[in-house]
Full PDB file with SEQRES, HELIX, SHEET, SSBOND, CRYST1, ORIGX, SCALE, CONECT and MASTER records, all heavy atoms in Angstrom:
SEQRES   1 A   38  GLU LEU ARG VAL SER TYR TYR GLY MET ARG LYS GLU SER          
SEQRES   2 A   38  TYR GLU ARG VAL MET VAL GLY LEU ASN PHE ASP VAL THR          
SEQRES   3 A   38  MET LYS ASN LEU LEU GLY PHE LEU GLU LEU ARG ASP              
HELIX    1 AA1 LYS A   11  VAL A   17  1                                   7    
HELIX    2 AA2 PHE A   23  ARG A   37  1                                  15    
CRYST1    1.000    1.000    1.000  90.00  90.00  90.00 P 1           1          
ORIGX1      1.000000  0.000000  0.000000        0.00000                         
ORIGX2      0.000000  1.000000  0.000000        0.00000                         
ORIGX3      0.000000  0.000000  1.000000        0.00000                         
SCALE1      1.000000  0.000000  0.000000        0.00000                         
SCALE2      0.000000  1.000000  0.000000        0.00000                         
SCALE3      0.000000  0.000000  1.000000        0.00000                         
ATOM      1  N   GLU A   1      11.390  13.174   0.800  1.00  0.00           N  
ATOM      2  CA  GLU A   1      11.108  12.033  -0.048  1.00  0.00           C  
ATOM      3  C   GLU A   1      10.650  10.864   0.850  1.00  0.00           C  
ATOM      4  O   GLU A   1      11.201  10.641   1.905  1.00  0.00           O  
ATOM      5  CB  GLU A   1      12.374  11.598  -0.851  1.00  0.00           C  
ATOM      6  CG  GLU A   1      12.064  10.539  -1.864  1.00  0.00           C  
ATOM      7  CD  GLU A   1      13.112  10.327  -2.858  1.00  0.00           C  
ATOM      8  OE1 GLU A   1      14.052  11.072  -2.829  1.00  0.00           O  
ATOM      9  OE2 GLU A   1      13.007   9.466  -3.735  1.00  0.00           O  
ATOM     10  N   LEU A   2       9.658  10.161   0.282  1.00  0.00           N  
ATOM     11  CA  LEU A   2       9.153   8.963   0.911  1.00  0.00           C  
ATOM     12  C   LEU A   2       9.377   7.829   0.002  1.00  0.00           C  
ATOM     13  O   LEU A   2       8.807   7.807  -1.161  1.00  0.00           O  
ATOM     14  CB  LEU A   2       7.720   9.182   1.324  1.00  0.00           C  
ATOM     15  CG  LEU A   2       6.879   7.961   1.832  1.00  0.00           C  
ATOM     16  CD1 LEU A   2       7.537   7.375   3.101  1.00  0.00           C  
ATOM     17  CD2 LEU A   2       5.483   8.302   2.016  1.00  0.00           C  
ATOM     18  N   ARG A   3      10.056   6.758   0.417  1.00  0.00           N  
ATOM     19  CA  ARG A   3      10.270   5.558  -0.392  1.00  0.00           C  
ATOM     20  C   ARG A   3       9.340   4.490   0.176  1.00  0.00           C  
ATOM     21  O   ARG A   3       9.466   4.204   1.381  1.00  0.00           O  
ATOM     22  CB  ARG A   3      11.671   5.053  -0.408  1.00  0.00           C  
ATOM     23  CG  ARG A   3      12.711   6.182  -0.720  1.00  0.00           C  
ATOM     24  CD  ARG A   3      12.820   6.285  -2.237  1.00  0.00           C  
ATOM     25  NE  ARG A   3      13.718   7.427  -2.640  1.00  0.00           N  
ATOM     26  CZ  ARG A   3      15.040   7.265  -2.663  1.00  0.00           C  
ATOM     27  NH1 ARG A   3      15.623   6.128  -2.433  1.00  0.00           N  
ATOM     28  NH2 ARG A   3      15.767   8.323  -2.950  1.00  0.00           N  
ATOM     29  N   VAL A   4       8.492   3.826  -0.575  1.00  0.00           N  
ATOM     30  CA  VAL A   4       7.556   2.857  -0.027  1.00  0.00           C  
ATOM     31  C   VAL A   4       7.888   1.525  -0.743  1.00  0.00           C  
ATOM     32  O   VAL A   4       8.063   1.339  -1.910  1.00  0.00           O  
ATOM     33  CB  VAL A   4       6.105   3.231  -0.395  1.00  0.00           C  
ATOM     34  CG1 VAL A   4       5.137   2.128   0.010  1.00  0.00           C  
ATOM     35  CG2 VAL A   4       5.790   4.528   0.313  1.00  0.00           C  
ATOM     36  N   SER A   5       8.074   0.519   0.156  1.00  0.00           N  
ATOM     37  CA  SER A   5       8.158  -0.931  -0.248  1.00  0.00           C  
ATOM     38  C   SER A   5       6.761  -1.414  -0.473  1.00  0.00           C  
ATOM     39  O   SER A   5       5.903  -1.551   0.458  1.00  0.00           O  
ATOM     40  CB  SER A   5       8.927  -1.710   0.823  1.00  0.00           C  
ATOM     41  OG  SER A   5      10.133  -1.130   1.105  1.00  0.00           O  
ATOM     42  N   TYR A   6       6.454  -1.831  -1.739  1.00  0.00           N  
ATOM     43  CA  TYR A   6       5.138  -2.218  -2.127  1.00  0.00           C  
ATOM     44  C   TYR A   6       5.184  -3.475  -3.008  1.00  0.00           C  
ATOM     45  O   TYR A   6       5.700  -3.370  -4.109  1.00  0.00           O  
ATOM     46  CB  TYR A   6       4.397  -1.082  -2.803  1.00  0.00           C  
ATOM     47  CG  TYR A   6       2.988  -1.178  -3.036  1.00  0.00           C  
ATOM     48  CD1 TYR A   6       2.147  -0.752  -2.112  1.00  0.00           C  
ATOM     49  CD2 TYR A   6       2.447  -1.717  -4.204  1.00  0.00           C  
ATOM     50  CE1 TYR A   6       0.700  -0.834  -2.271  1.00  0.00           C  
ATOM     51  CE2 TYR A   6       1.153  -1.847  -4.385  1.00  0.00           C  
ATOM     52  CZ  TYR A   6       0.245  -1.400  -3.455  1.00  0.00           C  
ATOM     53  OH  TYR A   6      -1.127  -1.463  -3.608  1.00  0.00           O  
ATOM     54  N   TYR A   7       4.733  -4.580  -2.454  1.00  0.00           N  
ATOM     55  CA  TYR A   7       5.040  -5.867  -3.135  1.00  0.00           C  
ATOM     56  C   TYR A   7       3.835  -6.705  -3.436  1.00  0.00           C  
ATOM     57  O   TYR A   7       3.915  -7.948  -3.330  1.00  0.00           O  
ATOM     58  CB  TYR A   7       6.038  -6.655  -2.258  1.00  0.00           C  
ATOM     59  CG  TYR A   7       7.273  -5.907  -1.875  1.00  0.00           C  
ATOM     60  CD1 TYR A   7       7.799  -5.995  -0.623  1.00  0.00           C  
ATOM     61  CD2 TYR A   7       7.892  -5.082  -2.806  1.00  0.00           C  
ATOM     62  CE1 TYR A   7       8.959  -5.304  -0.247  1.00  0.00           C  
ATOM     63  CE2 TYR A   7       9.061  -4.363  -2.425  1.00  0.00           C  
ATOM     64  CZ  TYR A   7       9.673  -4.507  -1.204  1.00  0.00           C  
ATOM     65  OH  TYR A   7      10.758  -3.756  -0.839  1.00  0.00           O  
ATOM     66  N   GLY A   8       2.759  -6.115  -3.897  1.00  0.00           N  
ATOM     67  CA  GLY A   8       1.599  -6.965  -4.379  1.00  0.00           C  
ATOM     68  C   GLY A   8       0.530  -6.023  -5.004  1.00  0.00           C  
ATOM     69  O   GLY A   8       0.203  -4.967  -4.264  1.00  0.00           O  
ATOM     70  N   MET A   9       0.011  -6.372  -6.061  1.00  0.00           N  
ATOM     71  CA  MET A   9      -1.103  -5.581  -6.677  1.00  0.00           C  
ATOM     72  C   MET A   9      -2.422  -6.213  -6.529  1.00  0.00           C  
ATOM     73  O   MET A   9      -3.418  -5.721  -7.001  1.00  0.00           O  
ATOM     74  CB  MET A   9      -0.805  -5.404  -8.215  1.00  0.00           C  
ATOM     75  CG  MET A   9       0.326  -4.394  -8.470  1.00  0.00           C  
ATOM     76  SD  MET A   9       0.085  -2.753  -7.719  1.00  0.00           S  
ATOM     77  CE  MET A   9      -1.363  -2.114  -8.589  1.00  0.00           C  
ATOM     78  N   ARG A  10      -2.456  -7.312  -5.901  1.00  0.00           N  
ATOM     79  CA  ARG A  10      -3.783  -7.886  -5.494  1.00  0.00           C  
ATOM     80  C   ARG A  10      -3.713  -8.235  -3.983  1.00  0.00           C  
ATOM     81  O   ARG A  10      -2.612  -8.434  -3.406  1.00  0.00           O  
ATOM     82  CB  ARG A  10      -4.027  -9.243  -6.264  1.00  0.00           C  
ATOM     83  CG  ARG A  10      -4.229  -9.079  -7.761  1.00  0.00           C  
ATOM     84  CD  ARG A  10      -4.085 -10.406  -8.489  1.00  0.00           C  
ATOM     85  NE  ARG A  10      -2.815 -10.962  -8.477  1.00  0.00           N  
ATOM     86  CZ  ARG A  10      -2.553 -12.140  -7.885  1.00  0.00           C  
ATOM     87  NH1 ARG A  10      -3.539 -12.866  -7.303  1.00  0.00           N  
ATOM     88  NH2 ARG A  10      -1.289 -12.630  -7.911  1.00  0.00           N  
ATOM     89  N   LYS A  11      -4.850  -8.191  -3.377  1.00  0.00           N  
ATOM     90  CA  LYS A  11      -4.942  -8.469  -1.881  1.00  0.00           C  
ATOM     91  C   LYS A  11      -4.264  -9.799  -1.599  1.00  0.00           C  
ATOM     92  O   LYS A  11      -3.408  -9.880  -0.608  1.00  0.00           O  
ATOM     93  CB  LYS A  11      -6.318  -8.541  -1.464  1.00  0.00           C  
ATOM     94  CG  LYS A  11      -6.518  -8.623   0.061  1.00  0.00           C  
ATOM     95  CD  LYS A  11      -8.022  -8.539   0.487  1.00  0.00           C  
ATOM     96  CE  LYS A  11      -8.231  -8.644   1.949  1.00  0.00           C  
ATOM     97  NZ  LYS A  11      -7.539  -7.497   2.697  1.00  0.00           N  
ATOM     98  N   GLU A  12      -4.467 -10.789  -2.351  1.00  0.00           N  
ATOM     99  CA  GLU A  12      -3.883 -12.151  -2.102  1.00  0.00           C  
ATOM    100  C   GLU A  12      -2.287 -12.127  -2.178  1.00  0.00           C  
ATOM    101  O   GLU A  12      -1.706 -12.535  -1.283  1.00  0.00           O  
ATOM    102  CB  GLU A  12      -4.436 -13.097  -3.106  1.00  0.00           C  
ATOM    103  CG  GLU A  12      -3.878 -14.500  -2.998  1.00  0.00           C  
ATOM    104  CD  GLU A  12      -4.267 -15.487  -4.049  1.00  0.00           C  
ATOM    105  OE1 GLU A  12      -4.866 -15.008  -5.084  1.00  0.00           O  
ATOM    106  OE2 GLU A  12      -3.990 -16.678  -3.898  1.00  0.00           O  
ATOM    107  N   SER A  13      -1.809 -11.503  -3.301  1.00  0.00           N  
ATOM    108  CA  SER A  13      -0.307 -11.518  -3.400  1.00  0.00           C  
ATOM    109  C   SER A  13       0.301 -10.581  -2.352  1.00  0.00           C  
ATOM    110  O   SER A  13       1.347 -10.885  -1.830  1.00  0.00           O  
ATOM    111  CB  SER A  13       0.081 -11.154  -4.876  1.00  0.00           C  
ATOM    112  OG  SER A  13      -0.475  -9.937  -5.213  1.00  0.00           O  
ATOM    113  N   TYR A  14      -0.260  -9.355  -2.234  1.00  0.00           N  
ATOM    114  CA  TYR A  14       0.320  -8.418  -1.273  1.00  0.00           C  
ATOM    115  C   TYR A  14       0.422  -8.994   0.068  1.00  0.00           C  
ATOM    116  O   TYR A  14       1.491  -8.936   0.767  1.00  0.00           O  
ATOM    117  CB  TYR A  14      -0.586  -7.209  -1.293  1.00  0.00           C  
ATOM    118  CG  TYR A  14      -0.148  -6.154  -0.280  1.00  0.00           C  
ATOM    119  CD1 TYR A  14       0.737  -5.102  -0.700  1.00  0.00           C  
ATOM    120  CD2 TYR A  14      -0.604  -6.024   1.020  1.00  0.00           C  
ATOM    121  CE1 TYR A  14       1.141  -4.078   0.215  1.00  0.00           C  
ATOM    122  CE2 TYR A  14      -0.124  -5.133   1.838  1.00  0.00           C  
ATOM    123  CZ  TYR A  14       0.672  -4.100   1.519  1.00  0.00           C  
ATOM    124  OH  TYR A  14       1.083  -3.136   2.357  1.00  0.00           O  
ATOM    125  N   GLU A  15      -0.673  -9.578   0.547  1.00  0.00           N  
ATOM    126  CA  GLU A  15      -0.706 -10.093   1.944  1.00  0.00           C  
ATOM    127  C   GLU A  15      -0.004 -11.372   2.111  1.00  0.00           C  
ATOM    128  O   GLU A  15       0.517 -11.792   3.247  1.00  0.00           O  
ATOM    129  CB  GLU A  15      -2.100 -10.242   2.438  1.00  0.00           C  
ATOM    130  CG  GLU A  15      -2.824  -8.842   2.535  1.00  0.00           C  
ATOM    131  CD  GLU A  15      -4.253  -8.812   2.958  1.00  0.00           C  
ATOM    132  OE1 GLU A  15      -4.700  -9.966   3.354  1.00  0.00           O  
ATOM    133  OE2 GLU A  15      -4.869  -7.757   2.839  1.00  0.00           O  
ATOM    134  N   ARG A  16       0.341 -12.026   0.970  1.00  0.00           N  
ATOM    135  CA  ARG A  16       1.228 -13.300   1.018  1.00  0.00           C  
ATOM    136  C   ARG A  16       2.656 -12.882   1.232  1.00  0.00           C  
ATOM    137  O   ARG A  16       3.489 -13.572   1.883  1.00  0.00           O  
ATOM    138  CB  ARG A  16       1.086 -14.015  -0.233  1.00  0.00           C  
ATOM    139  CG  ARG A  16       1.755 -15.438  -0.252  1.00  0.00           C  
ATOM    140  CD  ARG A  16       1.701 -16.113  -1.554  1.00  0.00           C  
ATOM    141  NE  ARG A  16       0.372 -16.211  -2.116  1.00  0.00           N  
ATOM    142  CZ  ARG A  16       0.001 -15.937  -3.324  1.00  0.00           C  
ATOM    143  NH1 ARG A  16       0.943 -15.601  -4.275  1.00  0.00           N  
ATOM    144  NH2 ARG A  16      -1.208 -16.064  -3.750  1.00  0.00           N  
ATOM    145  N   VAL A  17       3.052 -11.657   0.609  1.00  0.00           N  
ATOM    146  CA  VAL A  17       4.394 -11.245   0.729  1.00  0.00           C  
ATOM    147  C   VAL A  17       4.593 -10.356   2.000  1.00  0.00           C  
ATOM    148  O   VAL A  17       5.497 -10.634   2.849  1.00  0.00           O  
ATOM    149  CB  VAL A  17       4.853 -10.371  -0.538  1.00  0.00           C  
ATOM    150  CG1 VAL A  17       6.193  -9.763  -0.254  1.00  0.00           C  
ATOM    151  CG2 VAL A  17       4.825 -11.245  -1.717  1.00  0.00           C  
ATOM    152  N   MET A  18       3.722  -9.446   2.215  1.00  0.00           N  
ATOM    153  CA  MET A  18       3.794  -8.400   3.326  1.00  0.00           C  
ATOM    154  C   MET A  18       2.946  -8.878   4.416  1.00  0.00           C  
ATOM    155  O   MET A  18       1.830  -8.244   4.706  1.00  0.00           O  
ATOM    156  CB  MET A  18       3.431  -7.064   2.852  1.00  0.00           C  
ATOM    157  CG  MET A  18       4.283  -6.668   1.518  1.00  0.00           C  
ATOM    158  SD  MET A  18       4.259  -4.992   1.056  1.00  0.00           S  
ATOM    159  CE  MET A  18       5.375  -4.243   2.239  1.00  0.00           C  
ATOM    160  N   VAL A  19       3.343  -9.995   5.026  1.00  0.00           N  
ATOM    161  CA  VAL A  19       2.529 -10.678   6.040  1.00  0.00           C  
ATOM    162  C   VAL A  19       2.265  -9.760   7.230  1.00  0.00           C  
ATOM    163  O   VAL A  19       3.138  -9.122   7.831  1.00  0.00           O  
ATOM    164  CB  VAL A  19       3.272 -11.925   6.499  1.00  0.00           C  
ATOM    165  CG1 VAL A  19       2.413 -12.665   7.605  1.00  0.00           C  
ATOM    166  CG2 VAL A  19       3.544 -12.904   5.296  1.00  0.00           C  
ATOM    167  N   GLY A  20       0.999  -9.676   7.609  1.00  0.00           N  
ATOM    168  CA  GLY A  20       0.613  -8.822   8.697  1.00  0.00           C  
ATOM    169  C   GLY A  20       0.013  -7.496   8.324  1.00  0.00           C  
ATOM    170  O   GLY A  20      -0.617  -6.822   9.162  1.00  0.00           O  
ATOM    171  N   LEU A  21       0.183  -7.075   7.082  1.00  0.00           N  
ATOM    172  CA  LEU A  21      -0.381  -5.900   6.566  1.00  0.00           C  
ATOM    173  C   LEU A  21      -1.711  -6.098   5.712  1.00  0.00           C  
ATOM    174  O   LEU A  21      -2.009  -7.192   5.433  1.00  0.00           O  
ATOM    175  CB  LEU A  21       0.632  -5.115   5.642  1.00  0.00           C  
ATOM    176  CG  LEU A  21       1.970  -4.890   6.272  1.00  0.00           C  
ATOM    177  CD1 LEU A  21       2.800  -3.996   5.390  1.00  0.00           C  
ATOM    178  CD2 LEU A  21       1.826  -4.186   7.650  1.00  0.00           C  
ATOM    179  N   ASN A  22      -2.401  -5.024   5.527  1.00  0.00           N  
ATOM    180  CA  ASN A  22      -3.706  -5.074   4.782  1.00  0.00           C  
ATOM    181  C   ASN A  22      -3.640  -4.306   3.454  1.00  0.00           C  
ATOM    182  O   ASN A  22      -3.336  -3.067   3.466  1.00  0.00           O  
ATOM    183  CB  ASN A  22      -4.761  -4.468   5.676  1.00  0.00           C  
ATOM    184  CG  ASN A  22      -6.194  -4.626   5.059  1.00  0.00           C  
ATOM    185  OD1 ASN A  22      -6.434  -3.977   4.069  1.00  0.00           O  
ATOM    186  ND2 ASN A  22      -7.017  -5.467   5.724  1.00  0.00           N  
ATOM    187  N   PHE A  23      -3.776  -5.030   2.383  1.00  0.00           N  
ATOM    188  CA  PHE A  23      -3.691  -4.362   1.055  1.00  0.00           C  
ATOM    189  C   PHE A  23      -4.540  -3.170   0.970  1.00  0.00           C  
ATOM    190  O   PHE A  23      -4.113  -2.129   0.444  1.00  0.00           O  
ATOM    191  CB  PHE A  23      -4.021  -5.421  -0.042  1.00  0.00           C  
ATOM    192  CG  PHE A  23      -4.141  -4.859  -1.398  1.00  0.00           C  
ATOM    193  CD1 PHE A  23      -2.988  -4.667  -2.152  1.00  0.00           C  
ATOM    194  CD2 PHE A  23      -5.344  -4.593  -2.032  1.00  0.00           C  
ATOM    195  CE1 PHE A  23      -3.018  -4.120  -3.435  1.00  0.00           C  
ATOM    196  CE2 PHE A  23      -5.470  -4.023  -3.244  1.00  0.00           C  
ATOM    197  CZ  PHE A  23      -4.270  -3.876  -4.036  1.00  0.00           C  
ATOM    198  N   ASP A  24      -5.822  -3.254   1.352  1.00  0.00           N  
ATOM    199  CA  ASP A  24      -6.681  -2.178   1.103  1.00  0.00           C  
ATOM    200  C   ASP A  24      -6.335  -0.888   1.958  1.00  0.00           C  
ATOM    201  O   ASP A  24      -6.508   0.199   1.477  1.00  0.00           O  
ATOM    202  CB  ASP A  24      -8.158  -2.587   1.511  1.00  0.00           C  
ATOM    203  CG  ASP A  24      -8.627  -3.754   0.678  1.00  0.00           C  
ATOM    204  OD1 ASP A  24      -8.474  -3.638  -0.562  1.00  0.00           O  
ATOM    205  OD2 ASP A  24      -9.199  -4.679   1.197  1.00  0.00           O  
ATOM    206  N   VAL A  25      -5.799  -1.146   3.189  1.00  0.00           N  
ATOM    207  CA  VAL A  25      -5.436  -0.049   3.954  1.00  0.00           C  
ATOM    208  C   VAL A  25      -4.253   0.751   3.356  1.00  0.00           C  
ATOM    209  O   VAL A  25      -4.210   1.927   3.279  1.00  0.00           O  
ATOM    210  CB  VAL A  25      -5.095  -0.505   5.450  1.00  0.00           C  
ATOM    211  CG1 VAL A  25      -4.367   0.599   6.175  1.00  0.00           C  
ATOM    212  CG2 VAL A  25      -6.339  -0.952   6.142  1.00  0.00           C  
ATOM    213  N   THR A  26      -3.269  -0.038   2.910  1.00  0.00           N  
ATOM    214  CA  THR A  26      -2.021   0.559   2.265  1.00  0.00           C  
ATOM    215  C   THR A  26      -2.409   1.294   1.058  1.00  0.00           C  
ATOM    216  O   THR A  26      -1.899   2.445   0.788  1.00  0.00           O  
ATOM    217  CB  THR A  26      -0.922  -0.471   2.043  1.00  0.00           C  
ATOM    218  OG1 THR A  26      -0.624  -1.169   3.269  1.00  0.00           O  
ATOM    219  CG2 THR A  26       0.305   0.168   1.532  1.00  0.00           C  
ATOM    220  N   MET A  27      -3.194   0.730   0.200  1.00  0.00           N  
ATOM    221  CA  MET A  27      -3.651   1.421  -1.077  1.00  0.00           C  
ATOM    222  C   MET A  27      -4.352   2.727  -0.661  1.00  0.00           C  
ATOM    223  O   MET A  27      -4.045   3.706  -1.321  1.00  0.00           O  
ATOM    224  CB  MET A  27      -4.495   0.480  -1.844  1.00  0.00           C  
ATOM    225  CG  MET A  27      -4.983   1.115  -3.206  1.00  0.00           C  
ATOM    226  SD  MET A  27      -3.715   1.438  -4.354  1.00  0.00           S  
ATOM    227  CE  MET A  27      -3.498  -0.175  -5.059  1.00  0.00           C  
ATOM    228  N   LYS A  28      -5.253   2.728   0.177  1.00  0.00           N  
ATOM    229  CA  LYS A  28      -5.943   3.863   0.622  1.00  0.00           C  
ATOM    230  C   LYS A  28      -4.993   4.997   1.143  1.00  0.00           C  
ATOM    231  O   LYS A  28      -5.142   6.113   0.883  1.00  0.00           O  
ATOM    232  CB  LYS A  28      -6.977   3.480   1.750  1.00  0.00           C  
ATOM    233  CG  LYS A  28      -7.773   4.737   2.220  1.00  0.00           C  
ATOM    234  CD  LYS A  28      -8.772   4.311   3.321  1.00  0.00           C  
ATOM    235  CE  LYS A  28      -9.501   5.507   3.908  1.00  0.00           C  
ATOM    236  NZ  LYS A  28     -10.420   5.089   4.972  1.00  0.00           N  
ATOM    237  N   ASN A  29      -4.010   4.544   1.947  1.00  0.00           N  
ATOM    238  CA  ASN A  29      -3.046   5.421   2.493  1.00  0.00           C  
ATOM    239  C   ASN A  29      -2.249   6.174   1.413  1.00  0.00           C  
ATOM    240  O   ASN A  29      -2.015   7.391   1.516  1.00  0.00           O  
ATOM    241  CB  ASN A  29      -2.133   4.789   3.453  1.00  0.00           C  
ATOM    242  CG  ASN A  29      -2.728   4.397   4.784  1.00  0.00           C  
ATOM    243  OD1 ASN A  29      -3.851   4.829   5.143  1.00  0.00           O  
ATOM    244  ND2 ASN A  29      -2.068   3.543   5.520  1.00  0.00           N  
ATOM    245  N   LEU A  30      -1.725   5.414   0.416  1.00  0.00           N  
ATOM    246  CA  LEU A  30      -0.926   5.964  -0.633  1.00  0.00           C  
ATOM    247  C   LEU A  30      -1.723   6.894  -1.444  1.00  0.00           C  
ATOM    248  O   LEU A  30      -1.286   8.009  -1.892  1.00  0.00           O  
ATOM    249  CB  LEU A  30      -0.277   4.872  -1.436  1.00  0.00           C  
ATOM    250  CG  LEU A  30       0.798   3.991  -0.717  1.00  0.00           C  
ATOM    251  CD1 LEU A  30       1.160   2.827  -1.553  1.00  0.00           C  
ATOM    252  CD2 LEU A  30       2.042   4.864  -0.416  1.00  0.00           C  
ATOM    253  N   LEU A  31      -2.884   6.492  -1.903  1.00  0.00           N  
ATOM    254  CA  LEU A  31      -3.677   7.430  -2.797  1.00  0.00           C  
ATOM    255  C   LEU A  31      -4.103   8.602  -1.982  1.00  0.00           C  
ATOM    256  O   LEU A  31      -4.162   9.745  -2.487  1.00  0.00           O  
ATOM    257  CB  LEU A  31      -4.924   6.643  -3.242  1.00  0.00           C  
ATOM    258  CG  LEU A  31      -4.605   5.490  -4.293  1.00  0.00           C  
ATOM    259  CD1 LEU A  31      -5.808   4.770  -4.704  1.00  0.00           C  
ATOM    260  CD2 LEU A  31      -3.841   5.970  -5.490  1.00  0.00           C  
ATOM    261  N   GLY A  32      -4.402   8.440  -0.675  1.00  0.00           N  
ATOM    262  CA  GLY A  32      -4.775   9.585   0.147  1.00  0.00           C  
ATOM    263  C   GLY A  32      -3.593  10.534   0.307  1.00  0.00           C  
ATOM    264  O   GLY A  32      -3.797  11.692   0.405  1.00  0.00           O  
ATOM    265  N   PHE A  33      -2.373   9.961   0.493  1.00  0.00           N  
ATOM    266  CA  PHE A  33      -1.159  10.823   0.612  1.00  0.00           C  
ATOM    267  C   PHE A  33      -1.021  11.742  -0.639  1.00  0.00           C  
ATOM    268  O   PHE A  33      -0.802  12.966  -0.538  1.00  0.00           O  
ATOM    269  CB  PHE A  33       0.095   9.912   0.779  1.00  0.00           C  
ATOM    270  CG  PHE A  33       1.320  10.653   0.575  1.00  0.00           C  
ATOM    271  CD1 PHE A  33       1.867  11.522   1.502  1.00  0.00           C  
ATOM    272  CD2 PHE A  33       1.971  10.620  -0.668  1.00  0.00           C  
ATOM    273  CE1 PHE A  33       3.055  12.173   1.287  1.00  0.00           C  
ATOM    274  CE2 PHE A  33       3.141  11.308  -0.892  1.00  0.00           C  
ATOM    275  CZ  PHE A  33       3.730  12.045   0.083  1.00  0.00           C  
ATOM    276  N   LEU A  34      -1.122  11.135  -1.835  1.00  0.00           N  
ATOM    277  CA  LEU A  34      -1.024  11.913  -3.032  1.00  0.00           C  
ATOM    278  C   LEU A  34      -2.080  12.990  -3.172  1.00  0.00           C  
ATOM    279  O   LEU A  34      -1.832  14.131  -3.556  1.00  0.00           O  
ATOM    280  CB  LEU A  34      -1.079  10.968  -4.285  1.00  0.00           C  
ATOM    281  CG  LEU A  34       0.143  10.037  -4.464  1.00  0.00           C  
ATOM    282  CD1 LEU A  34      -0.100   8.958  -5.577  1.00  0.00           C  
ATOM    283  CD2 LEU A  34       1.413  10.883  -4.746  1.00  0.00           C  
ATOM    284  N   GLU A  35      -3.324  12.644  -2.751  1.00  0.00           N  
ATOM    285  CA  GLU A  35      -4.394  13.604  -2.822  1.00  0.00           C  
ATOM    286  C   GLU A  35      -4.164  14.775  -1.789  1.00  0.00           C  
ATOM    287  O   GLU A  35      -4.321  15.927  -2.113  1.00  0.00           O  
ATOM    288  CB  GLU A  35      -5.708  12.847  -2.371  1.00  0.00           C  
ATOM    289  CG  GLU A  35      -6.932  13.760  -2.368  1.00  0.00           C  
ATOM    290  CD  GLU A  35      -8.217  12.931  -2.004  1.00  0.00           C  
ATOM    291  OE1 GLU A  35      -8.644  12.043  -2.837  1.00  0.00           O  
ATOM    292  OE2 GLU A  35      -8.662  13.074  -0.841  1.00  0.00           O  
ATOM    293  N   LEU A  36      -3.762  14.379  -0.555  1.00  0.00           N  
ATOM    294  CA  LEU A  36      -3.423  15.461   0.373  1.00  0.00           C  
ATOM    295  C   LEU A  36      -2.239  16.382  -0.043  1.00  0.00           C  
ATOM    296  O   LEU A  36      -2.338  17.573   0.128  1.00  0.00           O  
ATOM    297  CB  LEU A  36      -3.094  14.818   1.720  1.00  0.00           C  
ATOM    298  CG  LEU A  36      -2.711  15.791   2.878  1.00  0.00           C  
ATOM    299  CD1 LEU A  36      -3.955  16.726   3.256  1.00  0.00           C  
ATOM    300  CD2 LEU A  36      -2.261  14.954   4.148  1.00  0.00           C  
ATOM    301  N   ARG A  37      -1.256  15.747  -0.638  1.00  0.00           N  
ATOM    302  CA  ARG A  37      -0.141  16.585  -1.055  1.00  0.00           C  
ATOM    303  C   ARG A  37      -0.607  17.604  -2.163  1.00  0.00           C  
ATOM    304  O   ARG A  37      -0.197  18.736  -2.161  1.00  0.00           O  
ATOM    305  CB  ARG A  37       0.947  15.660  -1.631  1.00  0.00           C  
ATOM    306  CG  ARG A  37       2.244  16.305  -1.899  1.00  0.00           C  
ATOM    307  CD  ARG A  37       3.290  15.390  -2.579  1.00  0.00           C  
ATOM    308  NE  ARG A  37       2.956  14.981  -3.911  1.00  0.00           N  
ATOM    309  CZ  ARG A  37       3.704  14.223  -4.696  1.00  0.00           C  
ATOM    310  NH1 ARG A  37       4.853  13.781  -4.187  1.00  0.00           N  
ATOM    311  NH2 ARG A  37       3.356  13.780  -5.808  1.00  0.00           N  
ATOM    312  N   ASP A  38      -1.530  17.093  -3.033  1.00  0.00           N  
ATOM    313  CA  ASP A  38      -2.098  18.065  -4.038  1.00  0.00           C  
ATOM    314  C   ASP A  38      -2.906  19.178  -3.401  1.00  0.00           C  
ATOM    315  O   ASP A  38      -2.846  20.284  -3.765  1.00  0.00           O  
ATOM    316  CB  ASP A  38      -2.929  17.252  -5.037  1.00  0.00           C  
ATOM    317  CG  ASP A  38      -2.045  16.401  -5.971  1.00  0.00           C  
ATOM    318  OD1 ASP A  38      -0.835  16.672  -6.102  1.00  0.00           O  
ATOM    319  OD2 ASP A  38      -2.625  15.526  -6.676  1.00  0.00           O  
TER     320      ASP A  38                                                      
MASTER        0    0    0    2    0    0    0    6  319    1    0    3          
END                                                                             
């Protein structure tokens, strides 16, 4: 199991909370993970 802390649905809000991270990169990673698992 993988638990992901994910705290913004817009680039602005995500990067305001998760300082130092990139919204687009994380979204791509998560959707890519689900695709690869399938």
